[in-house]
Amino acid sequence: MSLRYVGKDPNSEEENCPTVLVDEQTGDYVLQGWVADEGTITECEKFGPIAPNEAVIRLPARMTELLKEAIRANEHPDVR
């Protein structure tokens, strides 16, 4: 697996912060975020069960541009 680093939450410390990456082989988005609180998980479960191999994470809205950048990187993998 080869992950392309897109960026970290600009308002977090250097370590332990939400991060956006793209798997260069599959094009999948890899997101590191805060573990969702029980209220968020309960709301998500209204739309369907959360499988044992799934997780609900939360990314701050201020990371929107990083998500857009990940999508652009995925659409144009030859451009870095």
C-alpha atoms as a PDB file:
ATOM      1  CA  MET A   1       0.000   0.000   0.000  1.00  0.00           C
ATOM      2  CA  SER A   2       1.205   3.487  -0.816  1.00  0.00           C
ATOM      3  CA  LEU A   3      -0.566   6.352   0.924  1.00  0.00           C
ATOM      4  CA  ARG A   4      -0.419   9.876  -0.428  1.00  0.00           C
ATOM      5  CA  TYR A   5      -0.441  12.412   2.405  1.00  0.00           C
ATOM      6  CA  VAL A   6      -2.835  15.280   1.724  1.00  0.00           C
ATOM      7  CA  GLY A   7      -2.803  17.155   5.022  1.00  0.00           C
ATOM      8  CA  LYS A   8      -3.597  17.447   8.709  1.00  0.00           C
ATOM      9  CA  ASP A   9      -6.088  19.564  10.599  1.00  0.00           C
ATOM     10  CA  PRO A  10      -4.469  23.013  10.519  1.00  0.00           C
ATOM     11  CA  ASN A  11      -5.620  23.793  14.064  1.00  0.00           C
ATOM     12  CA  SER A  12      -4.300  20.619  15.697  1.00  0.00           C
ATOM     13  CA  GLU A  13      -0.962  19.872  17.245  1.00  0.00           C
ATOM     14  CA  GLU A  14       1.702  18.072  15.209  1.00  0.00           C
ATOM     15  CA  GLU A  15       0.797  14.662  16.637  1.00  0.00           C
ATOM     16  CA  ASN A  16      -2.558  12.952  17.120  1.00  0.00           C
ATOM     17  CA  CYS A  17      -4.570  15.093  14.751  1.00  0.00           C
ATOM     18  CA  PRO A  18      -7.133  14.364  12.040  1.00  0.00           C
ATOM     19  CA  THR A  19      -5.425  13.546   8.742  1.00  0.00           C
ATOM     20  CA  VAL A  20      -6.513  13.034   5.128  1.00  0.00           C
ATOM     21  CA  LEU A  21      -4.682  10.552   2.874  1.00  0.00           C
ATOM     22  CA  VAL A  22      -5.346   8.799  -0.443  1.00  0.00           C
ATOM     23  CA  ASP A  23      -4.437   5.164  -1.181  1.00  0.00           C
ATOM     24  CA  GLU A  24      -2.558   5.507  -4.463  1.00  0.00           C
ATOM     25  CA  GLN A  25      -3.279   1.916  -5.505  1.00  0.00           C
ATOM     26  CA  THR A  26      -7.035   1.810  -4.925  1.00  0.00           C
ATOM     27  CA  GLY A  27      -7.974   5.499  -4.898  1.00  0.00           C
ATOM     28  CA  ASP A  28      -9.631   5.001  -1.495  1.00  0.00           C
ATOM     29  CA  TYR A  29      -9.661   7.891   0.946  1.00  0.00           C
ATOM     30  CA  VAL A  30      -8.018   7.153   4.281  1.00  0.00           C
ATOM     31  CA  LEU A  31      -9.204   9.388   7.092  1.00  0.00           C
ATOM     32  CA  GLN A  32      -7.840   9.676  10.590  1.00  0.00           C
ATOM     33  CA  GLY A  33     -10.268  11.507  12.819  1.00  0.00           C
ATOM     34  CA  TRP A  34     -11.645  11.824  16.294  1.00  0.00           C
ATOM     35  CA  VAL A  35     -13.687   8.911  17.593  1.00  0.00           C
ATOM     36  CA  ALA A  36     -17.329   9.934  17.380  1.00  0.00           C
ATOM     37  CA  ASP A  37     -19.260  10.380  20.609  1.00  0.00           C
ATOM     38  CA  GLU A  38     -22.173   8.085  21.490  1.00  0.00           C
ATOM     39  CA  GLY A  39     -24.753  10.665  20.386  1.00  0.00           C
ATOM     40  CA  THR A  40     -23.222  10.859  16.906  1.00  0.00           C
ATOM     41  CA  ILE A  41     -23.011   7.070  16.662  1.00  0.00           C
ATOM     42  CA  THR A  42     -26.653   6.744  17.718  1.00  0.00           C
ATOM     43  CA  GLU A  43     -27.699   9.238  15.035  1.00  0.00           C
ATOM     44  CA  CYS A  44     -25.665   7.371  12.397  1.00  0.00           C
ATOM     45  CA  GLU A  45     -27.288   4.077  13.372  1.00  0.00           C
ATOM     46  CA  LYS A  46     -30.674   5.540  12.397  1.00  0.00           C
ATOM     47  CA  PHE A  47     -29.511   5.136   8.782  1.00  0.00           C
ATOM     48  CA  GLY A  48     -28.306   1.557   9.249  1.00  0.00           C
ATOM     49  CA  PRO A  49     -26.169  -0.580  11.513  1.00  0.00           C
ATOM     50  CA  ILE A  50     -22.456   0.042  11.890  1.00  0.00           C
ATOM     51  CA  ALA A  51     -20.620  -3.141  10.957  1.00  0.00           C
ATOM     52  CA  PRO A  52     -17.878  -4.509  13.217  1.00  0.00           C
ATOM     53  CA  ASN A  53     -15.264  -3.536  10.625  1.00  0.00           C
ATOM     54  CA  GLU A  54     -16.545   0.066  10.391  1.00  0.00           C
ATOM     55  CA  ALA A  55     -15.953   3.129  12.542  1.00  0.00           C
ATOM     56  CA  VAL A  56     -17.655   6.486  12.835  1.00  0.00           C
ATOM     57  CA  ILE A  57     -15.124   9.294  12.959  1.00  0.00           C
ATOM     58  CA  ARG A  58     -15.478  13.045  13.048  1.00  0.00           C
ATOM     59  CA  LEU A  59     -13.438  15.516  11.014  1.00  0.00           C
ATOM     60  CA  PRO A  60     -13.653  19.249  11.710  1.00  0.00           C
ATOM     61  CA  ALA A  61     -15.351  21.344   9.029  1.00  0.00           C
ATOM     62  CA  ARG A  62     -12.171  23.385   8.702  1.00  0.00           C
ATOM     63  CA  MET A  63     -10.688  20.347   6.885  1.00  0.00           C
ATOM     64  CA  THR A  64     -13.060  20.780   3.916  1.00  0.00           C
ATOM     65  CA  GLU A  65     -10.296  22.094   1.661  1.00  0.00           C
ATOM     66  CA  LEU A  66      -8.125  19.072   2.494  1.00  0.00           C
ATOM     67  CA  LEU A  67     -10.955  16.739   1.506  1.00  0.00           C
ATOM     68  CA  LYS A  68     -11.374  18.634  -1.762  1.00  0.00           C
ATOM     69  CA  GLU A  69      -7.627  18.388  -2.357  1.00  0.00           C
ATOM     70  CA  ALA A  70      -7.785  14.617  -1.792  1.00  0.00           C
ATOM     71  CA  ILE A  71     -10.566  14.355  -4.375  1.00  0.00           C
ATOM     72  CA  ARG A  72      -8.564  16.421  -6.878  1.00  0.00           C
ATOM     73  CA  ALA A  73      -5.483  14.261  -6.230  1.00  0.00           C
ATOM     74  CA  ASN A  74      -7.577  11.170  -6.862  1.00  0.00           C
ATOM     75  CA  GLU A  75      -8.921  12.566 -10.126  1.00  0.00           C
ATOM     76  CA  HIS A  76      -5.407  13.520 -11.313  1.00  0.00           C
ATOM     77  CA  PRO A  77      -2.970  11.006  -9.723  1.00  0.00           C
ATOM     78  CA  ASP A  78      -0.145  12.070 -12.038  1.00  0.00           C
ATOM     79  CA  VAL A  79      -0.099  15.604 -10.575  1.00  0.00           C
ATOM     80  CA  ARG A  80       1.521  16.144  -7.198  1.00  0.00           C
END
